[in-house]
Amino acid sequence: MPAQLGLSPRYEQKEIPITEKQGKLRLIGAKDGREGAVKIYQDVDLYASVLKVGDRVNYKIPAERYAWVQVAKGLVNLNGQDLREGDGIQLVGGQSLEIQTQIRAEFLLFDLA
């Protein structure tokens, strides 16, 4: 649901090179469209990441928010817990996340109100 009523439907699409997601969290969607992200009419920051062996990313969920991690490809280890392709997990605010892989992996991280 959008953050406000009466908005006109819209569509936006961007291609983000893999190099901008490799080994890091790349903002791809945000309510304010900052950093070249598509604009989403919700209080959400959506990140994408592509990891190869040895890559590691960290993220701190703000205390008043929560997060969802969705594994698109491969296998990731999130704070010691293995998640496979298709797995998703909800996390509460205030947590520090460490995400890594022993194989190639792709995942999305949603930072939500």
PDB file of N, CA and C in Angstrom:
ATOM      1  N   MET A   1       0.843  -1.178   0.000  1.00  0.00           N
ATOM      2  CA  MET A   1       0.000   0.000   0.000  1.00  0.00           C
ATOM      3  C   MET A   1       0.891   1.245   0.000  1.00  0.00           C
ATOM      4  N   PRO A   2       0.525   2.225  -0.808  1.00  0.00           N
ATOM      5  CA  PRO A   2       1.320   3.456  -0.812  1.00  0.00           C
ATOM      6  C   PRO A   2       1.173   4.223   0.499  1.00  0.00           C
ATOM      7  N   ALA A   3       2.097   5.116   0.741  1.00  0.00           N
ATOM      8  CA  ALA A   3       2.107   5.906   1.970  1.00  0.00           C
ATOM      9  C   ALA A   3       0.996   6.958   1.995  1.00  0.00           C
ATOM     10  N   GLN A   4       0.449   7.297   0.834  1.00  0.00           N
ATOM     11  CA  GLN A   4      -0.650   8.249   0.779  1.00  0.00           C
ATOM     12  C   GLN A   4      -1.662   7.815  -0.275  1.00  0.00           C
ATOM     13  N   LEU A   5      -2.877   8.272  -0.149  1.00  0.00           N
ATOM     14  CA  LEU A   5      -3.945   7.919  -1.076  1.00  0.00           C
ATOM     15  C   LEU A   5      -3.970   8.876  -2.261  1.00  0.00           C
ATOM     16  N   GLY A   6      -4.559   8.417  -3.360  1.00  0.00           N
ATOM     17  CA  GLY A   6      -4.791   9.278  -4.511  1.00  0.00           C
ATOM     18  C   GLY A   6      -3.605   9.474  -5.432  1.00  0.00           C
ATOM     19  N   LEU A   7      -2.578   8.691  -5.297  1.00  0.00           N
ATOM     20  CA  LEU A   7      -1.426   8.813  -6.187  1.00  0.00           C
ATOM     21  C   LEU A   7      -1.754   8.221  -7.550  1.00  0.00           C
ATOM     22  N   SER A   8      -1.228   8.813  -8.581  1.00  0.00           N
ATOM     23  CA  SER A   8      -1.394   8.258  -9.922  1.00  0.00           C
ATOM     24  C   SER A   8      -0.486   7.045 -10.069  1.00  0.00           C
ATOM     25  N   PRO A   9      -0.974   6.007 -10.742  1.00  0.00           N
ATOM     26  CA  PRO A   9      -0.109   4.842 -10.985  1.00  0.00           C
ATOM     27  C   PRO A   9       1.106   5.269 -11.803  1.00  0.00           C
ATOM     28  N   ARG A  10       2.222   4.649 -11.520  1.00  0.00           N
ATOM     29  CA  ARG A  10       3.436   4.958 -12.265  1.00  0.00           C
ATOM     30  C   ARG A  10       4.301   3.718 -12.375  1.00  0.00           C
ATOM     31  N   TYR A  11       5.253   3.769 -13.257  1.00  0.00           N
ATOM     32  CA  TYR A  11       6.139   2.654 -13.517  1.00  0.00           C
ATOM     33  C   TYR A  11       7.542   3.218 -13.709  1.00  0.00           C
ATOM     34  N   GLU A  12       8.511   2.562 -13.103  1.00  0.00           N
ATOM     35  CA  GLU A  12       9.901   2.986 -13.257  1.00  0.00           C
ATOM     36  C   GLU A  12      10.774   1.743 -13.310  1.00  0.00           C
ATOM     37  N   GLN A  13      11.746   1.768 -14.163  1.00  0.00           N
ATOM     38  CA  GLN A  13      12.644   0.632 -14.315  1.00  0.00           C
ATOM     39  C   GLN A  13      14.052   1.156 -14.533  1.00  0.00           C
ATOM     40  N   LYS A  14      15.019   0.540 -13.871  1.00  0.00           N
ATOM     41  CA  LYS A  14      16.427   0.903 -14.041  1.00  0.00           C
ATOM     42  C   LYS A  14      17.252  -0.371 -14.079  1.00  0.00           C
ATOM     43  N   GLU A  15      18.287  -0.342 -14.877  1.00  0.00           N
ATOM     44  CA  GLU A  15      19.243  -1.439 -14.871  1.00  0.00           C
ATOM     45  C   GLU A  15      20.433  -1.008 -14.028  1.00  0.00           C
ATOM     46  N   ILE A  16      20.747  -1.812 -13.024  1.00  0.00           N
ATOM     47  CA  ILE A  16      21.871  -1.503 -12.134  1.00  0.00           C
ATOM     48  C   ILE A  16      22.961  -2.525 -12.396  1.00  0.00           C
ATOM     49  N   PRO A  17      24.119  -2.082 -12.853  1.00  0.00           N
ATOM     50  CA  PRO A  17      25.201  -3.013 -13.170  1.00  0.00           C
ATOM     51  C   PRO A  17      25.594  -3.865 -11.961  1.00  0.00           C
ATOM     52  N   ILE A  18      25.960  -5.095 -12.229  1.00  0.00           N
ATOM     53  CA  ILE A  18      26.357  -6.020 -11.161  1.00  0.00           C
ATOM     54  C   ILE A  18      27.533  -5.458 -10.363  1.00  0.00           C
ATOM     55  N   THR A  19      28.383  -4.675 -11.006  1.00  0.00           N
ATOM     56  CA  THR A  19      29.539  -4.114 -10.307  1.00  0.00           C
ATOM     57  C   THR A  19      29.119  -3.187  -9.167  1.00  0.00           C
ATOM     58  N   GLU A  20      27.926  -2.598  -9.257  1.00  0.00           N
ATOM     59  CA  GLU A  20      27.442  -1.714  -8.198  1.00  0.00           C
ATOM     60  C   GLU A  20      26.839  -2.483  -7.022  1.00  0.00           C
ATOM     61  N   LYS A  21      26.621  -3.803  -7.211  1.00  0.00           N
ATOM     62  CA  LYS A  21      26.038  -4.640  -6.157  1.00  0.00           C
ATOM     63  C   LYS A  21      27.033  -5.665  -5.625  1.00  0.00           C
ATOM     64  N   GLN A  22      28.149  -5.849  -6.322  1.00  0.00           N
ATOM     65  CA  GLN A  22      29.122  -6.886  -5.983  1.00  0.00           C
ATOM     66  C   GLN A  22      29.818  -6.596  -4.667  1.00  0.00           C
ATOM     67  N   GLY A  23      29.578  -7.451  -3.677  1.00  0.00           N
ATOM     68  CA  GLY A  23      30.268  -7.345  -2.403  1.00  0.00           C
ATOM     69  C   GLY A  23      29.806  -6.200  -1.527  1.00  0.00           C
ATOM     70  N   LYS A  24      28.657  -5.609  -1.861  1.00  0.00           N
ATOM     71  CA  LYS A  24      28.141  -4.495  -1.060  1.00  0.00           C
ATOM     72  C   LYS A  24      26.626  -4.432  -1.185  1.00  0.00           C
ATOM     73  N   LEU A  25      26.017  -3.649  -0.323  1.00  0.00           N
ATOM     74  CA  LEU A  25      24.580  -3.393  -0.399  1.00  0.00           C
ATOM     75  C   LEU A  25      24.376  -2.166  -1.269  1.00  0.00           C
ATOM     76  N   ARG A  26      23.593  -2.331  -2.323  1.00  0.00           N
ATOM     77  CA  ARG A  26      23.302  -1.223  -3.246  1.00  0.00           C
ATOM     78  C   ARG A  26      21.835  -0.839  -3.101  1.00  0.00           C
ATOM     79  N   LEU A  27      21.564   0.410  -2.744  1.00  0.00           N
ATOM     80  CA  LEU A  27      20.203   0.889  -2.639  1.00  0.00           C
ATOM     81  C   LEU A  27      19.571   0.886  -4.031  1.00  0.00           C
ATOM     82  N   ILE A  28      18.460   0.146  -4.196  1.00  0.00           N
ATOM     83  CA  ILE A  28      17.803   0.089  -5.501  1.00  0.00           C
ATOM     84  C   ILE A  28      16.393   0.673  -5.470  1.00  0.00           C
ATOM     85  N   GLY A  29      15.814   0.844  -4.285  1.00  0.00           N
ATOM     86  CA  GLY A  29      14.490   1.440  -4.156  1.00  0.00           C
ATOM     87  C   GLY A  29      14.383   2.190  -2.837  1.00  0.00           C
ATOM     88  N   ALA A  30      13.779   3.392  -2.874  1.00  0.00           N
ATOM     89  CA  ALA A  30      13.656   4.199  -1.653  1.00  0.00           C
ATOM     90  C   ALA A  30      12.516   5.195  -1.815  1.00  0.00           C
ATOM     91  N   LYS A  31      11.948   5.617  -0.684  1.00  0.00           N
ATOM     92  CA  LYS A  31      10.820   6.552  -0.740  1.00  0.00           C
ATOM     93  C   LYS A  31      11.192   7.886  -1.351  1.00  0.00           C
ATOM     94  N   ASP A  32      12.466   8.265  -1.274  1.00  0.00           N
ATOM     95  CA  ASP A  32      12.895   9.550  -1.818  1.00  0.00           C
ATOM     96  C   ASP A  32      13.729   9.412  -3.094  1.00  0.00           C
ATOM     97  N   GLY A  33      13.931   8.188  -3.579  1.00  0.00           N
ATOM     98  CA  GLY A  33      14.667   7.978  -4.820  1.00  0.00           C
ATOM     99  C   GLY A  33      16.135   8.372  -4.765  1.00  0.00           C
ATOM    100  N   ARG A  34      16.691   8.476  -3.553  1.00  0.00           N
ATOM    101  CA  ARG A  34      18.082   8.921  -3.414  1.00  0.00           C
ATOM    102  C   ARG A  34      19.069   7.898  -3.986  1.00  0.00           C
ATOM    103  N   GLU A  35      20.260   8.351  -4.242  1.00  0.00           N
ATOM    104  CA  GLU A  35      21.378   7.521  -4.710  1.00  0.00           C
ATOM    105  C   GLU A  35      21.046   6.743  -5.981  1.00  0.00           C
ATOM    106  N   GLY A  36      20.177   7.304  -6.818  1.00  0.00           N
ATOM    107  CA  GLY A  36      19.838   6.656  -8.081  1.00  0.00           C
ATOM    108  C   GLY A  36      18.851   5.512  -7.961  1.00  0.00           C
ATOM    109  N   ALA A  37      18.228   5.352  -6.796  1.00  0.00           N
ATOM    110  CA  ALA A  37      17.239   4.288  -6.589  1.00  0.00           C
ATOM    111  C   ALA A  37      15.906   4.674  -7.231  1.00  0.00           C
ATOM    112  N   VAL A  38      15.103   3.667  -7.562  1.00  0.00           N
ATOM    113  CA  VAL A  38      13.749   3.970  -8.026  1.00  0.00           C
ATOM    114  C   VAL A  38      12.942   4.470  -6.838  1.00  0.00           C
ATOM    115  N   LYS A  39      11.977   5.342  -7.121  1.00  0.00           N
ATOM    116  CA  LYS A  39      11.159   5.910  -6.050  1.00  0.00           C
ATOM    117  C   LYS A  39      10.006   4.965  -5.733  1.00  0.00           C
ATOM    118  N   ILE A  40       9.856   4.665  -4.435  1.00  0.00           N
ATOM    119  CA  ILE A  40       8.794   3.789  -3.938  1.00  0.00           C
ATOM    120  C   ILE A  40       7.945   4.620  -2.982  1.00  0.00           C
ATOM    121  N   TYR A  41       6.631   4.603  -3.162  1.00  0.00           N
ATOM    122  CA  TYR A  41       5.747   5.405  -2.307  1.00  0.00           C
ATOM    123  C   TYR A  41       5.398   4.670  -1.020  1.00  0.00           C
ATOM    124  N   GLN A  42       6.432   4.237  -0.313  1.00  0.00           N
ATOM    125  CA  GLN A  42       6.321   3.601   1.000  1.00  0.00           C
ATOM    126  C   GLN A  42       7.571   3.946   1.789  1.00  0.00           C
ATOM    127  N   ASP A  43       7.510   3.757   3.100  1.00  0.00           N
ATOM    128  CA  ASP A  43       8.670   3.999   3.950  1.00  0.00           C
ATOM    129  C   ASP A  43       9.532   2.744   3.948  1.00  0.00           C
ATOM    130  N   VAL A  44      10.320   2.583   2.894  1.00  0.00           N
ATOM    131  CA  VAL A  44      11.161   1.402   2.729  1.00  0.00           C
ATOM    132  C   VAL A  44      12.458   1.792   2.028  1.00  0.00           C
ATOM    133  N   ASP A  45      13.535   1.150   2.426  1.00  0.00           N
ATOM    134  CA  ASP A  45      14.796   1.186   1.697  1.00  0.00           C
ATOM    135  C   ASP A  45      15.054  -0.243   1.251  1.00  0.00           C
ATOM    136  N   LEU A  46      15.202  -0.445  -0.041  1.00  0.00           N
ATOM    137  CA  LEU A  46      15.418  -1.771  -0.610  1.00  0.00           C
ATOM    138  C   LEU A  46      16.823  -1.844  -1.176  1.00  0.00           C
ATOM    139  N   TYR A  47      17.585  -2.812  -0.676  1.00  0.00           N
ATOM    140  CA  TYR A  47      18.968  -3.017  -1.101  1.00  0.00           C
ATOM    141  C   TYR A  47      19.106  -4.345  -1.825  1.00  0.00           C
ATOM    142  N   ALA A  48      20.017  -4.399  -2.791  1.00  0.00           N
ATOM    143  CA  ALA A  48      20.364  -5.643  -3.480  1.00  0.00           C
ATOM    144  C   ALA A  48      21.862  -5.872  -3.310  1.00  0.00           C
ATOM    145  N   SER A  49      22.238  -7.151  -3.272  1.00  0.00           N
ATOM    146  CA  SER A  49      23.652  -7.488  -3.144  1.00  0.00           C
ATOM    147  C   SER A  49      23.943  -8.778  -3.891  1.00  0.00           C
ATOM    148  N   VAL A  50      25.123  -8.834  -4.473  1.00  0.00           N
ATOM    149  CA  VAL A  50      25.643 -10.039  -5.110  1.00  0.00           C
ATOM    150  C   VAL A  50      26.954 -10.356  -4.406  1.00  0.00           C
ATOM    151  N   LEU A  51      27.042 -11.549  -3.854  1.00  0.00           N
ATOM    152  CA  LEU A  51      28.240 -11.945  -3.111  1.00  0.00           C
ATOM    153  C   LEU A  51      28.948 -13.094  -3.809  1.00  0.00           C
ATOM    154  N   LYS A  52      30.269 -13.036  -3.807  1.00  0.00           N
ATOM    155  CA  LYS A  52      31.080 -14.172  -4.241  1.00  0.00           C
ATOM    156  C   LYS A  52      31.814 -14.695  -3.009  1.00  0.00           C
ATOM    157  N   VAL A  53      32.472 -15.809  -3.151  1.00  0.00           N
ATOM    158  CA  VAL A  53      33.183 -16.421  -2.020  1.00  0.00           C
ATOM    159  C   VAL A  53      34.081 -15.385  -1.350  1.00  0.00           C
ATOM    160  N   GLY A  54      33.938 -15.275  -0.047  1.00  0.00           N
ATOM    161  CA  GLY A  54      34.760 -14.359   0.733  1.00  0.00           C
ATOM    162  C   GLY A  54      34.159 -12.976   0.929  1.00  0.00           C
ATOM    163  N   ASP A  55      33.127 -12.631   0.152  1.00  0.00           N
ATOM    164  CA  ASP A  55      32.474 -11.330   0.343  1.00  0.00           C
ATOM    165  C   ASP A  55      31.659 -11.340   1.631  1.00  0.00           C
ATOM    166  N   ARG A  56      31.569 -10.175   2.255  1.00  0.00           N
ATOM    167  CA  ARG A  56      30.804 -10.026   3.496  1.00  0.00           C
ATOM    168  C   ARG A  56      30.229  -8.615   3.519  1.00  0.00           C
ATOM    169  N   VAL A  57      28.951  -8.507   3.874  1.00  0.00           N
ATOM    170  CA  VAL A  57      28.344  -7.188   4.047  1.00  0.00           C
ATOM    171  C   VAL A  57      27.749  -7.101   5.440  1.00  0.00           C
ATOM    172  N   ASN A  58      27.698  -5.892   5.971  1.00  0.00           N
ATOM    173  CA  ASN A  58      27.148  -5.646   7.300  1.00  0.00           C
ATOM    174  C   ASN A  58      26.063  -4.588   7.202  1.00  0.00           C
ATOM    175  N   TYR A  59      25.084  -4.704   8.090  1.00  0.00           N
ATOM    176  CA  TYR A  59      23.993  -3.732   8.123  1.00  0.00           C
ATOM    177  C   TYR A  59      23.443  -3.655   9.536  1.00  0.00           C
ATOM    178  N   LYS A  60      23.184  -2.458  10.014  1.00  0.00           N
ATOM    179  CA  LYS A  60      22.590  -2.242  11.333  1.00  0.00           C
ATOM    180  C   LYS A  60      21.150  -1.786  11.119  1.00  0.00           C
ATOM    181  N   ILE A  61      20.197  -2.570  11.638  1.00  0.00           N
ATOM    182  CA  ILE A  61      18.790  -2.210  11.524  1.00  0.00           C
ATOM    183  C   ILE A  61      18.492  -1.148  12.589  1.00  0.00           C
ATOM    184  N   PRO A  62      17.995   0.021  12.184  1.00  0.00           N
ATOM    185  CA  PRO A  62      17.641   1.032  13.190  1.00  0.00           C
ATOM    186  C   PRO A  62      16.639   0.461  14.195  1.00  0.00           C
ATOM    187  N   ALA A  63      16.721   0.908  15.426  1.00  0.00           N
ATOM    188  CA  ALA A  63      15.929   0.354  16.527  1.00  0.00           C
ATOM    189  C   ALA A  63      14.430   0.391  16.285  1.00  0.00           C
ATOM    190  N   GLU A  64      13.935   1.430  15.632  1.00  0.00           N
ATOM    191  CA  GLU A  64      12.493   1.577  15.457  1.00  0.00           C
ATOM    192  C   GLU A  64      11.970   0.922  14.174  1.00  0.00           C
ATOM    193  N   ARG A  65      12.801   0.166  13.486  1.00  0.00           N
ATOM    194  CA  ARG A  65      12.412  -0.440  12.201  1.00  0.00           C
ATOM    195  C   ARG A  65      12.581  -1.958  12.274  1.00  0.00           C
ATOM    196  N   TYR A  66      12.270  -2.615  11.187  1.00  0.00           N
ATOM    197  CA  TYR A  66      12.564  -4.036  11.074  1.00  0.00           C
ATOM    198  C   TYR A  66      13.046  -4.308   9.666  1.00  0.00           C
ATOM    199  N   ALA A  67      13.518  -5.505   9.416  1.00  0.00           N
ATOM    200  CA  ALA A  67      14.077  -5.837   8.107  1.00  0.00           C
ATOM    201  C   ALA A  67      13.586  -7.198   7.653  1.00  0.00           C
ATOM    202  N   TRP A  68      13.660  -7.393   6.359  1.00  0.00           N
ATOM    203  CA  TRP A  68      13.377  -8.676   5.733  1.00  0.00           C
ATOM    204  C   TRP A  68      14.537  -8.958   4.786  1.00  0.00           C
ATOM    205  N   VAL A  69      15.124 -10.143   4.868  1.00  0.00           N
ATOM    206  CA  VAL A  69      16.167 -10.585   3.946  1.00  0.00           C
ATOM    207  C   VAL A  69      15.588 -11.715   3.116  1.00  0.00           C
ATOM    208  N   GLN A  70      15.693 -11.598   1.787  1.00  0.00           N
ATOM    209  CA  GLN A  70      15.182 -12.607   0.863  1.00  0.00           C
ATOM    210  C   GLN A  70      16.327 -13.074  -0.021  1.00  0.00           C
ATOM    211  N   VAL A  71      16.613 -14.371   0.009  1.00  0.00           N
ATOM    212  CA  VAL A  71      17.690 -14.935  -0.802  1.00  0.00           C
ATOM    213  C   VAL A  71      17.136 -15.259  -2.188  1.00  0.00           C
ATOM    214  N   ALA A  72      17.718 -14.640  -3.210  1.00  0.00           N
ATOM    215  CA  ALA A  72      17.270 -14.856  -4.587  1.00  0.00           C
ATOM    216  C   ALA A  72      18.022 -16.013  -5.247  1.00  0.00           C
ATOM    217  N   LYS A  73      19.319 -16.119  -4.988  1.00  0.00           N
ATOM    218  CA  LYS A  73      20.143 -17.183  -5.582  1.00  0.00           C
ATOM    219  C   LYS A  73      21.210 -17.601  -4.591  1.00  0.00           C
ATOM    220  N   GLY A  74      21.552 -18.870  -4.620  1.00  0.00           N
ATOM    221  CA  GLY A  74      22.669 -19.356  -3.826  1.00  0.00           C
ATOM    222  C   GLY A  74      22.338 -19.586  -2.366  1.00  0.00           C
ATOM    223  N   LEU A  75      23.341 -19.404  -1.533  1.00  0.00           N
ATOM    224  CA  LEU A  75      23.228 -19.635  -0.099  1.00  0.00           C
ATOM    225  C   LEU A  75      23.976 -18.527   0.622  1.00  0.00           C
ATOM    226  N   VAL A  76      23.333 -17.932   1.632  1.00  0.00           N
ATOM    227  CA  VAL A  76      24.017 -16.936   2.456  1.00  0.00           C
ATOM    228  C   VAL A  76      24.014 -17.399   3.903  1.00  0.00           C
ATOM    229  N   ASN A  77      24.951 -16.881   4.647  1.00  0.00           N
ATOM    230  CA  ASN A  77      24.998 -17.106   6.081  1.00  0.00           C
ATOM    231  C   ASN A  77      24.736 -15.764   6.732  1.00  0.00           C
ATOM    232  N   LEU A  78      23.636 -15.691   7.482  1.00  0.00           N
ATOM    233  CA  LEU A  78      23.222 -14.465   8.156  1.00  0.00           C
ATOM    234  C   LEU A  78      23.387 -14.655   9.651  1.00  0.00           C
ATOM    235  N   ASN A  79      24.369 -14.001  10.220  1.00  0.00           N
ATOM    236  CA  ASN A  79      24.649 -14.112  11.660  1.00  0.00           C
ATOM    237  C   ASN A  79      24.710 -15.569  12.120  1.00  0.00           C
ATOM    238  N   GLY A  80      25.352 -16.416  11.306  1.00  0.00           N
ATOM    239  CA  GLY A  80      25.529 -17.813  11.682  1.00  0.00           C
ATOM    240  C   GLY A  80      24.432 -18.755  11.221  1.00  0.00           C
ATOM    241  N   GLN A  81      23.377 -18.236  10.620  1.00  0.00           N
ATOM    242  CA  GLN A  81      22.263 -19.070  10.157  1.00  0.00           C
ATOM    243  C   GLN A  81      22.284 -19.146   8.627  1.00  0.00           C
ATOM    244  N   ASP A  82      22.298 -20.360   8.086  1.00  0.00           N
ATOM    245  CA  ASP A  82      22.292 -20.543   6.638  1.00  0.00           C
ATOM    246  C   ASP A  82      20.890 -20.326   6.079  1.00  0.00           C
ATOM    247  N   LEU A  83      20.824 -19.558   4.996  1.00  0.00           N
ATOM    248  CA  LEU A  83      19.588 -19.326   4.265  1.00  0.00           C
ATOM    249  C   LEU A  83      19.833 -19.704   2.813  1.00  0.00           C
ATOM    250  N   ARG A  84      18.914 -20.467   2.254  1.00  0.00           N
ATOM    251  CA  ARG A  84      19.051 -20.947   0.875  1.00  0.00           C
ATOM    252  C   ARG A  84      18.162 -20.165  -0.076  1.00  0.00           C
ATOM    253  N   GLU A  85      18.419 -20.363  -1.361  1.00  0.00           N
ATOM    254  CA  GLU A  85      17.619 -19.732  -2.408  1.00  0.00           C
ATOM    255  C   GLU A  85      16.128 -19.892  -2.112  1.00  0.00           C
ATOM    256  N   GLY A  86      15.403 -18.783  -2.104  1.00  0.00           N
ATOM    257  CA  GLY A  86      13.975 -18.795  -1.812  1.00  0.00           C
ATOM    258  C   GLY A  86      13.643 -18.530  -0.361  1.00  0.00           C
ATOM    259  N   ASP A  87      14.616 -18.662   0.542  1.00  0.00           N
ATOM    260  CA  ASP A  87      14.371 -18.403   1.966  1.00  0.00           C
ATOM    261  C   ASP A  87      14.275 -16.904   2.228  1.00  0.00           C
ATOM    262  N   GLY A  88      13.459 -16.564   3.212  1.00  0.00           N
ATOM    263  CA  GLY A  88      13.350 -15.196   3.685  1.00  0.00           C
ATOM    264  C   GLY A  88      13.286 -15.212   5.199  1.00  0.00           C
ATOM    265  N   ILE A  89      13.704 -14.117   5.819  1.00  0.00           N
ATOM    266  CA  ILE A  89      13.686 -14.044   7.272  1.00  0.00           C
ATOM    267  C   ILE A  89      13.402 -12.602   7.697  1.00  0.00           C
ATOM    268  N   GLN A  90      12.541 -12.463   8.709  1.00  0.00           N
ATOM    269  CA  GLN A  90      12.233 -11.155   9.284  1.00  0.00           C
ATOM    270  C   GLN A  90      13.126 -10.929  10.494  1.00  0.00           C
ATOM    271  N   LEU A  91      13.617  -9.705  10.633  1.00  0.00           N
ATOM    272  CA  LEU A  91      14.518  -9.349  11.730  1.00  0.00           C
ATOM    273  C   LEU A  91      14.026  -8.072  12.391  1.00  0.00           C
ATOM    274  N   VAL A  92      14.157  -8.008  13.710  1.00  0.00           N
ATOM    275  CA  VAL A  92      13.698  -6.840  14.452  1.00  0.00           C
ATOM    276  C   VAL A  92      14.793  -5.789  14.524  1.00  0.00           C
ATOM    277  N   GLY A  93      14.370  -4.552  14.789  1.00  0.00           N
ATOM    278  CA  GLY A  93      15.287  -3.430  14.859  1.00  0.00           C
ATOM    279  C   GLY A  93      16.319  -3.561  15.964  1.00  0.00           C
ATOM    280  N   GLY A  94      17.424  -2.861  15.779  1.00  0.00           N
ATOM    281  CA  GLY A  94      18.502  -2.864  16.754  1.00  0.00           C
ATOM    282  C   GLY A  94      19.541  -3.933  16.504  1.00  0.00           C
ATOM    283  N   GLN A  95      19.289  -4.845  15.581  1.00  0.00           N
ATOM    284  CA  GLN A  95      20.240  -5.925  15.318  1.00  0.00           C
ATOM    285  C   GLN A  95      21.301  -5.491  14.313  1.00  0.00           C
ATOM    286  N   SER A  96      22.481  -6.042  14.475  1.00  0.00           N
ATOM    287  CA  SER A  96      23.545  -5.895  13.488  1.00  0.00           C
ATOM    288  C   SER A  96      23.571  -7.167  12.659  1.00  0.00           C
ATOM    289  N   LEU A  97      23.595  -7.002  11.349  1.00  0.00           N
ATOM    290  CA  LEU A  97      23.597  -8.146  10.446  1.00  0.00           C
ATOM    291  C   LEU A  97      24.963  -8.300   9.799  1.00  0.00           C
ATOM    292  N   GLU A  98      25.420  -9.547   9.736  1.00  0.00           N
ATOM    293  CA  GLU A  98      26.617  -9.884   8.973  1.00  0.00           C
ATOM    294  C   GLU A  98      26.203 -10.976   8.006  1.00  0.00           C
ATOM    295  N   ILE A  99      26.338 -10.696   6.721  1.00  0.00           N
ATOM    296  CA  ILE A  99      25.899 -11.622   5.687  1.00  0.00           C
ATOM    297  C   ILE A  99      27.105 -11.968   4.831  1.00  0.00           C
ATOM    298  N   GLN A 100      27.319 -13.278   4.647  1.00  0.00           N
ATOM    299  CA  GLN A 100      28.447 -13.753   3.850  1.00  0.00           C
ATOM    300  C   GLN A 100      28.039 -15.018   3.115  1.00  0.00           C
ATOM    301  N   THR A 101      28.937 -15.533   2.276  1.00  0.00           N
ATOM    302  CA  THR A 101      28.645 -16.751   1.537  1.00  0.00           C
ATOM    303  C   THR A 101      29.926 -17.534   1.271  1.00  0.00           C
ATOM    304  N   GLN A 102      29.754 -18.827   1.068  1.00  0.00           N
ATOM    305  CA  GLN A 102      30.858 -19.687   0.650  1.00  0.00           C
ATOM    306  C   GLN A 102      30.722 -20.062  -0.822  1.00  0.00           C
ATOM    307  N   ILE A 103      29.630 -19.597  -1.434  1.00  0.00           N
ATOM    308  CA  ILE A 103      29.404 -19.758  -2.869  1.00  0.00           C
ATOM    309  C   ILE A 103      28.826 -18.438  -3.375  1.00  0.00           C
ATOM    310  N   ARG A 104      28.602 -18.317  -4.639  1.00  0.00           N
ATOM    311  CA  ARG A 104      27.977 -17.101  -5.189  1.00  0.00           C
ATOM    312  C   ARG A 104      26.530 -17.009  -4.709  1.00  0.00           C
ATOM    313  N   ALA A 105      26.107 -15.810  -4.343  1.00  0.00           N
ATOM    314  CA  ALA A 105      24.748 -15.624  -3.843  1.00  0.00           C
ATOM    315  C   ALA A 105      24.240 -14.227  -4.190  1.00  0.00           C
ATOM    316  N   GLU A 106      22.920 -14.110  -4.275  1.00  0.00           N
ATOM    317  CA  GLU A 106      22.261 -12.827  -4.467  1.00  0.00           C
ATOM    318  C   GLU A 106      21.112 -12.736  -3.481  1.00  0.00           C
ATOM    319  N   PHE A 107      20.928 -11.550  -2.894  1.00  0.00           N
ATOM    320  CA  PHE A 107      19.832 -11.382  -1.949  1.00  0.00           C
ATOM    321  C   PHE A 107      19.346  -9.942  -1.949  1.00  0.00           C
ATOM    322  N   LEU A 108      18.143  -9.764  -1.381  1.00  0.00           N
ATOM    323  CA  LEU A 108      17.545  -8.443  -1.187  1.00  0.00           C
ATOM    324  C   LEU A 108      17.406  -8.206   0.308  1.00  0.00           C
ATOM    325  N   LEU A 109      17.590  -6.962   0.722  1.00  0.00           N
ATOM    326  CA  LEU A 109      17.371  -6.567   2.110  1.00  0.00           C
ATOM    327  C   LEU A 109      16.382  -5.398   2.108  1.00  0.00           C
ATOM    328  N   PHE A 110      15.266  -5.589   2.777  1.00  0.00           N
ATOM    329  CA  PHE A 110      14.234  -4.571   2.912  1.00  0.00           C
ATOM    330  C   PHE A 110      14.335  -3.966   4.315  1.00  0.00           C
ATOM    331  N   ASP A 111      14.556  -2.668   4.416  1.00  0.00           N
ATOM    332  CA  ASP A 111      14.532  -1.949   5.691  1.00  0.00           C
ATOM    333  C   ASP A 111      13.181  -1.255   5.742  1.00  0.00           C
ATOM    334  N   LEU A 112      12.320  -1.693   6.701  1.00  0.00           N
ATOM    335  CA  LEU A 112      10.911  -1.313   6.718  1.00  0.00           C
ATOM    336  C   LEU A 112      10.503  -0.593   7.985  1.00  0.00           C
ATOM    337  N   ALA A 113       9.489   0.279   7.855  1.00  0.00           N
ATOM    338  CA  ALA A 113       8.951   1.001   9.013  1.00  0.00           C
ATOM    339  C   ALA A 113       8.211   0.053   9.930  1.00  0.00           C
TER     340      ALA A 113
END
